[in-house]
Structures are given as structure tokens and as C-alpha cells.
Full PDB file with SEQRES, HELIX, SHEET, SSBOND, CRYST1, ORIGX, SCALE, CONECT and MASTER records, all heavy atoms in Angstrom:
SEQRES   1 A   34  ARG GLN ALA ARG TYR SER GLU ILE ASP SER MET ALA ASP          
SEQRES   2 A   34  HIS ASN GLY ASP SER LEU PRO PHE LEU ALA SER ARG ALA          
SEQRES   3 A   34  PRO SER PRO GLU HIS ASP ALA SER                              
HELIX    1 AA1 GLN A    2  ASP A   13  1                                  12    
HELIX    2 AA2 PRO A   20  LEU A   22  5                                   3    
CRYST1    1.000    1.000    1.000  90.00  90.00  90.00 P 1           1          
ORIGX1      1.000000  0.000000  0.000000        0.00000                         
ORIGX2      0.000000  1.000000  0.000000        0.00000                         
ORIGX3      0.000000  0.000000  1.000000        0.00000                         
SCALE1      1.000000  0.000000  0.000000        0.00000                         
SCALE2      0.000000  1.000000  0.000000        0.00000                         
SCALE3      0.000000  0.000000  1.000000        0.00000                         
ATOM      1  N   ARG A   1     106.320 143.196 -92.760  1.00  0.00           N  
ATOM      2  CA  ARG A   1     107.400 144.191 -92.749  1.00  0.00           C  
ATOM      3  C   ARG A   1     107.068 145.351 -93.727  1.00  0.00           C  
ATOM      4  O   ARG A   1     107.228 146.544 -93.362  1.00  0.00           O  
ATOM      5  CB  ARG A   1     108.691 143.533 -93.191  1.00  0.00           C  
ATOM      6  CG  ARG A   1     109.298 142.653 -92.128  1.00  0.00           C  
ATOM      7  CD  ARG A   1     110.769 142.369 -92.389  1.00  0.00           C  
ATOM      8  NE  ARG A   1     110.952 141.671 -93.626  1.00  0.00           N  
ATOM      9  CZ  ARG A   1     110.949 140.335 -93.816  1.00  0.00           C  
ATOM     10  NH1 ARG A   1     110.711 139.586 -92.772  1.00  0.00           N  
ATOM     11  NH2 ARG A   1     111.131 139.821 -94.980  1.00  0.00           N  
ATOM     12  N   GLN A   2     106.532 145.070 -94.873  1.00  0.00           N  
ATOM     13  CA  GLN A   2     106.163 146.069 -95.810  1.00  0.00           C  
ATOM     14  C   GLN A   2     105.085 146.951 -95.211  1.00  0.00           C  
ATOM     15  O   GLN A   2     105.105 148.165 -95.477  1.00  0.00           O  
ATOM     16  CB  GLN A   2     105.703 145.398 -97.160  1.00  0.00           C  
ATOM     17  CG  GLN A   2     106.778 144.745 -97.903  1.00  0.00           C  
ATOM     18  CD  GLN A   2     106.246 143.978 -99.059  1.00  0.00           C  
ATOM     19  OE1 GLN A   2     105.054 143.670 -99.193  1.00  0.00           O  
ATOM     20  NE2 GLN A   2     107.110 143.645 -99.989  1.00  0.00           N  
ATOM     21  N   ALA A   3     104.068 146.347 -94.550  1.00  0.00           N  
ATOM     22  CA  ALA A   3     102.977 147.136 -93.951  1.00  0.00           C  
ATOM     23  C   ALA A   3     103.548 148.101 -92.936  1.00  0.00           C  
ATOM     24  O   ALA A   3     103.049 149.177 -92.815  1.00  0.00           O  
ATOM     25  CB  ALA A   3     101.952 146.165 -93.431  1.00  0.00           C  
ATOM     26  N   ARG A   4     104.497 147.613 -92.161  1.00  0.00           N  
ATOM     27  CA  ARG A   4     104.995 148.474 -91.059  1.00  0.00           C  
ATOM     28  C   ARG A   4     105.817 149.676 -91.605  1.00  0.00           C  
ATOM     29  O   ARG A   4     105.669 150.775 -91.130  1.00  0.00           O  
ATOM     30  CB  ARG A   4     105.901 147.670 -90.103  1.00  0.00           C  
ATOM     31  CG  ARG A   4     105.170 146.757 -89.154  1.00  0.00           C  
ATOM     32  CD  ARG A   4     106.053 146.372 -87.995  1.00  0.00           C  
ATOM     33  NE  ARG A   4     107.249 145.613 -88.449  1.00  0.00           N  
ATOM     34  CZ  ARG A   4     107.344 144.331 -88.569  1.00  0.00           C  
ATOM     35  NH1 ARG A   4     106.244 143.577 -88.331  1.00  0.00           N  
ATOM     36  NH2 ARG A   4     108.455 143.756 -89.022  1.00  0.00           N  
ATOM     37  N   TYR A   5     106.644 149.433 -92.618  1.00  0.00           N  
ATOM     38  CA  TYR A   5     107.610 150.408 -93.022  1.00  0.00           C  
ATOM     39  C   TYR A   5     107.174 151.189 -94.281  1.00  0.00           C  
ATOM     40  O   TYR A   5     107.739 152.253 -94.583  1.00  0.00           O  
ATOM     41  CB  TYR A   5     108.981 149.790 -93.359  1.00  0.00           C  
ATOM     42  CG  TYR A   5     109.610 149.179 -92.103  1.00  0.00           C  
ATOM     43  CD1 TYR A   5     109.859 147.795 -92.050  1.00  0.00           C  
ATOM     44  CD2 TYR A   5     109.832 149.875 -90.967  1.00  0.00           C  
ATOM     45  CE1 TYR A   5     110.409 147.189 -90.932  1.00  0.00           C  
ATOM     46  CE2 TYR A   5     110.400 149.336 -89.833  1.00  0.00           C  
ATOM     47  CZ  TYR A   5     110.692 147.982 -89.844  1.00  0.00           C  
ATOM     48  OH  TYR A   5     111.226 147.325 -88.695  1.00  0.00           O  
ATOM     49  N   SER A   6     106.180 150.702 -95.013  1.00  0.00           N  
ATOM     50  CA  SER A   6     105.821 151.353 -96.255  1.00  0.00           C  
ATOM     51  C   SER A   6     104.352 151.520 -96.424  1.00  0.00           C  
ATOM     52  O   SER A   6     103.803 151.599 -97.529  1.00  0.00           O  
ATOM     53  CB  SER A   6     106.367 150.521 -97.454  1.00  0.00           C  
ATOM     54  OG  SER A   6     107.758 150.281 -97.323  1.00  0.00           O  
ATOM     55  N   GLU A   7     103.605 151.740 -95.295  1.00  0.00           N  
ATOM     56  CA  GLU A   7     102.209 151.826 -95.375  1.00  0.00           C  
ATOM     57  C   GLU A   7     101.684 152.973 -96.255  1.00  0.00           C  
ATOM     58  O   GLU A   7     100.860 152.833 -97.119  1.00  0.00           O  
ATOM     59  CB  GLU A   7     101.572 151.967 -93.990  1.00  0.00           C  
ATOM     60  CG  GLU A   7     100.080 151.968 -93.996  1.00  0.00           C  
ATOM     61  CD  GLU A   7      99.476 152.012 -92.598  1.00  0.00           C  
ATOM     62  OE1 GLU A   7     100.292 152.033 -91.633  1.00  0.00           O  
ATOM     63  OE2 GLU A   7      98.231 152.074 -92.480  1.00  0.00           O  
ATOM     64  N   ILE A   8     102.258 154.140 -96.100  1.00  0.00           N  
ATOM     65  CA  ILE A   8     101.810 155.294 -96.812  1.00  0.00           C  
ATOM     66  C   ILE A   8     102.130 155.156 -98.303  1.00  0.00           C  
ATOM     67  O   ILE A   8     101.321 155.355 -99.174  1.00  0.00           O  
ATOM     68  CB  ILE A   8     102.440 156.623 -96.301  1.00  0.00           C  
ATOM     69  CG1 ILE A   8     101.935 156.846 -94.855  1.00  0.00           C  
ATOM     70  CG2 ILE A   8     102.053 157.795 -97.157  1.00  0.00           C  
ATOM     71  CD1 ILE A   8     102.578 158.072 -94.204  1.00  0.00           C  
ATOM     72  N   ASP A   9     103.372 154.747 -98.578  1.00  0.00           N  
ATOM     73  CA  ASP A   9     103.730 154.616 -99.964  1.00  0.00           C  
ATOM     74  C   ASP A   9     102.908 153.450-100.597  1.00  0.00           C  
ATOM     75  O   ASP A   9     102.532 153.552-101.760  1.00  0.00           O  
ATOM     76  CB  ASP A   9     105.200 154.186-100.105  1.00  0.00           C  
ATOM     77  CG  ASP A   9     106.155 155.368 -99.756  1.00  0.00           C  
ATOM     78  OD1 ASP A   9     105.626 156.492 -99.762  1.00  0.00           O  
ATOM     79  OD2 ASP A   9     107.342 155.142 -99.457  1.00  0.00           O  
ATOM     80  N   SER A  10     102.618 152.434 -99.912  1.00  0.00           N  
ATOM     81  CA  SER A  10     101.916 151.299-100.461  1.00  0.00           C  
ATOM     82  C   SER A  10     100.509 151.791-100.848  1.00  0.00           C  
ATOM     83  O   SER A  10      99.974 151.402-101.856  1.00  0.00           O  
ATOM     84  CB  SER A  10     101.789 150.158 -99.439  1.00  0.00           C  
ATOM     85  OG  SER A  10     101.005 149.132 -99.927  1.00  0.00           O  
ATOM     86  N   MET A  11      99.843 152.619 -99.999  1.00  0.00           N  
ATOM     87  CA  MET A  11      98.501 153.054-100.280  1.00  0.00           C  
ATOM     88  C   MET A  11      98.512 153.904-101.530  1.00  0.00           C  
ATOM     89  O   MET A  11      97.642 153.834-102.328  1.00  0.00           O  
ATOM     90  CB  MET A  11      97.958 153.844 -99.074  1.00  0.00           C  
ATOM     91  CG  MET A  11      97.677 152.938 -97.896  1.00  0.00           C  
ATOM     92  SD  MET A  11      97.181 153.928 -96.430  1.00  0.00           S  
ATOM     93  CE  MET A  11      95.701 154.720 -97.053  1.00  0.00           C  
ATOM     94  N   ALA A  12      99.585 154.717-101.681  1.00  0.00           N  
ATOM     95  CA  ALA A  12      99.640 155.572-102.860  1.00  0.00           C  
ATOM     96  C   ALA A  12      99.819 154.770-104.134  1.00  0.00           C  
ATOM     97  O   ALA A  12      99.285 155.045-105.136  1.00  0.00           O  
ATOM     98  CB  ALA A  12     100.840 156.603-102.678  1.00  0.00           C  
ATOM     99  N   ASP A  13     100.613 153.735-104.019  1.00  0.00           N  
ATOM    100  CA  ASP A  13     100.911 152.884-105.175  1.00  0.00           C  
ATOM    101  C   ASP A  13      99.669 152.260-105.709  1.00  0.00           C  
ATOM    102  O   ASP A  13      99.583 152.042-106.939  1.00  0.00           O  
ATOM    103  CB  ASP A  13     101.928 151.766-104.820  1.00  0.00           C  
ATOM    104  CG  ASP A  13     103.321 152.337-104.636  1.00  0.00           C  
ATOM    105  OD1 ASP A  13     103.579 153.457-105.064  1.00  0.00           O  
ATOM    106  OD2 ASP A  13     104.168 151.647-104.010  1.00  0.00           O  
ATOM    107  N   HIS A  14      98.697 151.998-104.925  1.00  0.00           N  
ATOM    108  CA  HIS A  14      97.494 151.256-105.333  1.00  0.00           C  
ATOM    109  C   HIS A  14      96.342 152.141-105.705  1.00  0.00           C  
ATOM    110  O   HIS A  14      95.221 151.701-106.017  1.00  0.00           O  
ATOM    111  CB  HIS A  14      97.073 150.247-104.278  1.00  0.00           C  
ATOM    112  CG  HIS A  14      98.019 149.113-104.136  1.00  0.00           C  
ATOM    113  ND1 HIS A  14      98.247 148.219-105.149  1.00  0.00           N  
ATOM    114  CD2 HIS A  14      98.807 148.741-103.179  1.00  0.00           C  
ATOM    115  CE1 HIS A  14      99.187 147.329-104.840  1.00  0.00           C  
ATOM    116  NE2 HIS A  14      99.560 147.602-103.577  1.00  0.00           N  
ATOM    117  N   ASN A  15      96.611 153.481-105.707  1.00  0.00           N  
ATOM    118  CA  ASN A  15      95.573 154.461-106.153  1.00  0.00           C  
ATOM    119  C   ASN A  15      95.685 154.578-107.695  1.00  0.00           C  
ATOM    120  O   ASN A  15      96.776 154.376-108.240  1.00  0.00           O  
ATOM    121  CB  ASN A  15      95.703 155.778-105.485  1.00  0.00           C  
ATOM    122  CG  ASN A  15      95.246 155.724-104.029  1.00  0.00           C  
ATOM    123  OD1 ASN A  15      94.403 154.911-103.678  1.00  0.00           O  
ATOM    124  ND2 ASN A  15      95.845 156.538-103.214  1.00  0.00           N  
ATOM    125  N   GLY A  16      94.625 155.088-108.334  1.00  0.00           N  
ATOM    126  CA  GLY A  16      94.776 155.264-109.703  1.00  0.00           C  
ATOM    127  C   GLY A  16      94.719 153.964-110.471  1.00  0.00           C  
ATOM    128  O   GLY A  16      93.852 153.168-110.285  1.00  0.00           O  
ATOM    129  N   ASP A  17      95.670 153.799-111.374  1.00  0.00           N  
ATOM    130  CA  ASP A  17      95.695 152.594-112.218  1.00  0.00           C  
ATOM    131  C   ASP A  17      96.157 151.451-111.438  1.00  0.00           C  
ATOM    132  O   ASP A  17      97.380 151.220-111.217  1.00  0.00           O  
ATOM    133  CB  ASP A  17      96.666 152.846-113.441  1.00  0.00           C  
ATOM    134  CG  ASP A  17      96.581 151.681-114.437  1.00  0.00           C  
ATOM    135  OD1 ASP A  17      95.679 150.875-114.293  1.00  0.00           O  
ATOM    136  OD2 ASP A  17      97.426 151.669-115.245  1.00  0.00           O  
ATOM    137  N   SER A  18      95.230 150.634-110.808  1.00  0.00           N  
ATOM    138  CA  SER A  18      95.674 149.673-109.818  1.00  0.00           C  
ATOM    139  C   SER A  18      96.287 148.444-110.428  1.00  0.00           C  
ATOM    140  O   SER A  18      96.050 148.075-111.566  1.00  0.00           O  
ATOM    141  CB  SER A  18      94.344 149.180-109.077  1.00  0.00           C  
ATOM    142  OG  SER A  18      93.426 148.588-109.973  1.00  0.00           O  
ATOM    143  N   LEU A  19      97.130 147.823-109.575  1.00  0.00           N  
ATOM    144  CA  LEU A  19      97.765 146.535-109.929  1.00  0.00           C  
ATOM    145  C   LEU A  19      98.468 146.519-111.216  1.00  0.00           C  
ATOM    146  O   LEU A  19      98.216 145.695-112.076  1.00  0.00           O  
ATOM    147  CB  LEU A  19      96.705 145.369-109.816  1.00  0.00           C  
ATOM    148  CG  LEU A  19      95.889 145.341-108.542  1.00  0.00           C  
ATOM    149  CD1 LEU A  19      94.806 144.267-108.654  1.00  0.00           C  
ATOM    150  CD2 LEU A  19      96.780 145.105-107.344  1.00  0.00           C  
ATOM    151  N   PRO A  20      99.458 147.396-111.503  1.00  0.00           N  
ATOM    152  CA  PRO A  20     100.122 147.419-112.734  1.00  0.00           C  
ATOM    153  C   PRO A  20     100.948 146.189-113.041  1.00  0.00           C  
ATOM    154  O   PRO A  20     101.259 145.850-114.148  1.00  0.00           O  
ATOM    155  CB  PRO A  20     101.025 148.647-112.667  1.00  0.00           C  
ATOM    156  CG  PRO A  20     101.211 148.895-111.188  1.00  0.00           C  
ATOM    157  CD  PRO A  20      99.906 148.494-110.551  1.00  0.00           C  
ATOM    158  N   PHE A  21     101.333 145.512-111.940  1.00  0.00           N  
ATOM    159  CA  PHE A  21     102.148 144.311-112.145  1.00  0.00           C  
ATOM    160  C   PHE A  21     101.401 143.144-112.781  1.00  0.00           C  
ATOM    161  O   PHE A  21     102.020 142.138-113.121  1.00  0.00           O  
ATOM    162  CB  PHE A  21     102.778 143.823-110.798  1.00  0.00           C  
ATOM    163  CG  PHE A  21     101.780 143.812-109.673  1.00  0.00           C  
ATOM    164  CD1 PHE A  21     100.922 142.655-109.575  1.00  0.00           C  
ATOM    165  CD2 PHE A  21     101.664 144.820-108.773  1.00  0.00           C  
ATOM    166  CE1 PHE A  21     100.007 142.619-108.522  1.00  0.00           C  
ATOM    167  CE2 PHE A  21     100.756 144.772-107.711  1.00  0.00           C  
ATOM    168  CZ  PHE A  21      99.970 143.667-107.589  1.00  0.00           C  
ATOM    169  N   LEU A  22     100.047 143.277-112.899  1.00  0.00           N  
ATOM    170  CA  LEU A  22      99.275 142.239-113.507  1.00  0.00           C  
ATOM    171  C   LEU A  22      99.014 142.541-114.960  1.00  0.00           C  
ATOM    172  O   LEU A  22      98.146 141.867-115.624  1.00  0.00           O  
ATOM    173  CB  LEU A  22      97.942 142.055-112.824  1.00  0.00           C  
ATOM    174  CG  LEU A  22      97.993 141.249-111.526  1.00  0.00           C  
ATOM    175  CD1 LEU A  22      96.654 141.291-110.828  1.00  0.00           C  
ATOM    176  CD2 LEU A  22      98.467 139.837-111.751  1.00  0.00           C  
ATOM    177  N   ALA A  23      99.754 143.495-115.545  1.00  0.00           N  
ATOM    178  CA  ALA A  23      99.574 143.829-116.965  1.00  0.00           C  
ATOM    179  C   ALA A  23      99.855 142.555-117.802  1.00  0.00           C  
ATOM    180  O   ALA A  23     100.720 141.757-117.532  1.00  0.00           O  
ATOM    181  CB  ALA A  23     100.570 144.887-117.385  1.00  0.00           C  
ATOM    182  N   SER A  24      99.001 142.380-118.761  1.00  0.00           N  
ATOM    183  CA  SER A  24      99.058 141.067-119.514  1.00  0.00           C  
ATOM    184  C   SER A  24     100.298 140.978-120.345  1.00  0.00           C  
ATOM    185  O   SER A  24     100.815 141.975-120.883  1.00  0.00           O  
ATOM    186  CB  SER A  24      97.838 140.968-120.456  1.00  0.00           C  
ATOM    187  OG  SER A  24      97.800 142.049-121.386  1.00  0.00           O  
ATOM    188  N   ARG A  25     100.829 139.755-120.427  1.00  0.00           N  
ATOM    189  CA  ARG A  25     101.974 139.437-121.295  1.00  0.00           C  
ATOM    190  C   ARG A  25     101.470 138.770-122.549  1.00  0.00           C  
ATOM    191  O   ARG A  25     100.306 138.213-122.555  1.00  0.00           O  
ATOM    192  CB  ARG A  25     102.933 138.489-120.550  1.00  0.00           C  
ATOM    193  CG  ARG A  25     103.580 139.153-119.311  1.00  0.00           C  
ATOM    194  CD  ARG A  25     104.555 138.146-118.711  1.00  0.00           C  
ATOM    195  NE  ARG A  25     105.253 138.798-117.561  1.00  0.00           N  
ATOM    196  CZ  ARG A  25     104.800 138.888-116.373  1.00  0.00           C  
ATOM    197  NH1 ARG A  25     103.638 138.386-116.064  1.00  0.00           N  
ATOM    198  NH2 ARG A  25     105.532 139.481-115.383  1.00  0.00           N  
ATOM    199  N   ALA A  26     102.358 138.754-123.534  1.00  0.00           N  
ATOM    200  CA  ALA A  26     101.938 138.065-124.770  1.00  0.00           C  
ATOM    201  C   ALA A  26     101.545 136.597-124.534  1.00  0.00           C  
ATOM    202  O   ALA A  26     102.364 135.901-123.833  1.00  0.00           O  
ATOM    203  CB  ALA A  26     103.009 138.178-125.793  1.00  0.00           C  
ATOM    204  N   PRO A  27     100.467 136.090-124.930  1.00  0.00           N  
ATOM    205  CA  PRO A  27     100.110 134.732-124.713  1.00  0.00           C  
ATOM    206  C   PRO A  27     100.995 133.764-125.348  1.00  0.00           C  
ATOM    207  O   PRO A  27     101.593 134.022-126.427  1.00  0.00           O  
ATOM    208  CB  PRO A  27      98.652 134.580-125.252  1.00  0.00           C  
ATOM    209  CG  PRO A  27      98.601 135.699-126.257  1.00  0.00           C  
ATOM    210  CD  PRO A  27      99.456 136.829-125.771  1.00  0.00           C  
ATOM    211  N   SER A  28     101.200 132.567-124.736  1.00  0.00           N  
ATOM    212  CA  SER A  28     102.054 131.563-125.350  1.00  0.00           C  
ATOM    213  C   SER A  28     101.312 131.024-126.559  1.00  0.00           C  
ATOM    214  O   SER A  28     100.106 131.097-126.694  1.00  0.00           O  
ATOM    215  CB  SER A  28     102.327 130.433-124.351  1.00  0.00           C  
ATOM    216  OG  SER A  28     101.145 129.904-123.838  1.00  0.00           O  
ATOM    217  N   PRO A  29     102.116 130.422-127.518  1.00  0.00           N  
ATOM    218  CA  PRO A  29     101.501 129.962-128.758  1.00  0.00           C  
ATOM    219  C   PRO A  29     100.321 128.978-128.538  1.00  0.00           C  
ATOM    220  O   PRO A  29      99.404 128.957-129.381  1.00  0.00           O  
ATOM    221  CB  PRO A  29     102.688 129.281-129.431  1.00  0.00           C  
ATOM    222  CG  PRO A  29     103.896 129.936-128.943  1.00  0.00           C  
ATOM    223  CD  PRO A  29     103.539 130.250-127.445  1.00  0.00           C  
ATOM    224  N   GLU A  30     100.372 128.173-127.527  1.00  0.00           N  
ATOM    225  CA  GLU A  30      99.365 127.187-127.339  1.00  0.00           C  
ATOM    226  C   GLU A  30      98.036 127.710-126.766  1.00  0.00           C  
ATOM    227  O   GLU A  30      97.094 126.992-126.578  1.00  0.00           O  
ATOM    228  CB  GLU A  30      99.875 126.000-126.480  1.00  0.00           C  
ATOM    229  CG  GLU A  30     100.148 126.382-124.954  1.00  0.00           C  
ATOM    230  CD  GLU A  30     101.597 126.845-124.836  1.00  0.00           C  
ATOM    231  OE1 GLU A  30     102.211 127.224-125.849  1.00  0.00           O  
ATOM    232  OE2 GLU A  30     102.065 126.895-123.732  1.00  0.00           O  
ATOM    233  N   HIS A  31      98.020 128.952-126.390  1.00  0.00           N  
ATOM    234  CA  HIS A  31      96.813 129.577-125.825  1.00  0.00           C  
ATOM    235  C   HIS A  31      96.310 130.691-126.760  1.00  0.00           C  
ATOM    236  O   HIS A  31      97.110 131.516-127.195  1.00  0.00           O  
ATOM    237  CB  HIS A  31      97.072 130.231-124.432  1.00  0.00           C  
ATOM    238  CG  HIS A  31      97.347 129.187-123.388  1.00  0.00           C  
ATOM    239  ND1 HIS A  31      98.530 128.506-123.257  1.00  0.00           N  
ATOM    240  CD2 HIS A  31      96.474 128.695-122.424  1.00  0.00           C  
ATOM    241  CE1 HIS A  31      98.507 127.693-122.241  1.00  0.00           C  
ATOM    242  NE2 HIS A  31      97.268 127.794-121.720  1.00  0.00           N  
ATOM    243  N   ASP A  32      95.009 130.650-127.086  1.00  0.00           N  
ATOM    244  CA  ASP A  32      94.499 131.723-127.914  1.00  0.00           C  
ATOM    245  C   ASP A  32      94.228 132.982-127.161  1.00  0.00           C  
ATOM    246  O   ASP A  32      94.319 132.999-125.875  1.00  0.00           O  
ATOM    247  CB  ASP A  32      93.267 131.254-128.644  1.00  0.00           C  
ATOM    248  CG  ASP A  32      92.144 130.817-127.719  1.00  0.00           C  
ATOM    249  OD1 ASP A  32      92.102 131.294-126.549  1.00  0.00           O  
ATOM    250  OD2 ASP A  32      91.351 129.940-128.086  1.00  0.00           O  
ATOM    251  N   ALA A  33      93.877 134.001-127.803  1.00  0.00           N  
ATOM    252  CA  ALA A  33      93.747 135.360-127.188  1.00  0.00           C  
ATOM    253  C   ALA A  33      92.656 135.357-126.152  1.00  0.00           C  
ATOM    254  O   ALA A  33      92.808 135.982-125.109  1.00  0.00           O  
ATOM    255  CB  ALA A  33      93.503 136.421-128.270  1.00  0.00           C  
ATOM    256  N   SER A  34      91.543 134.643-126.411  1.00  0.00           N  
ATOM    257  CA  SER A  34      90.455 134.680-125.475  1.00  0.00           C  
ATOM    258  C   SER A  34      90.836 133.992-124.126  1.00  0.00           C  
ATOM    259  O   SER A  34      90.437 134.501-123.072  1.00  0.00           O  
ATOM    260  CB  SER A  34      89.222 133.992-126.051  1.00  0.00           C  
ATOM    261  OG  SER A  34      89.494 132.574-126.373  1.00  0.00           O  
TER     262      SER A  34                                                      
MASTER        0    0    0    2    0    0    0    6  261    1    0    3          
END                                                                             
């Protein structure tokens, strides 16, 4: 459905700084930074 109705917007969203929704969150205490 998204591909049918938002193809142009979707393509624009993924140009430039790609995949912003995968920006890292603060790690949980049991996991180190690496």
C-alpha cells in the first residue's frame, strides 16, 4: 500500500541521510559501547 500511494515521497525520504529511524539509542547497562 505504501508503495502504491507514496512512491515518490518514499524515494525522497531515503535520499541523503539514509535510514534515520536506525539512529542508535543509548545502550542498556549490560551492553558495552562496542
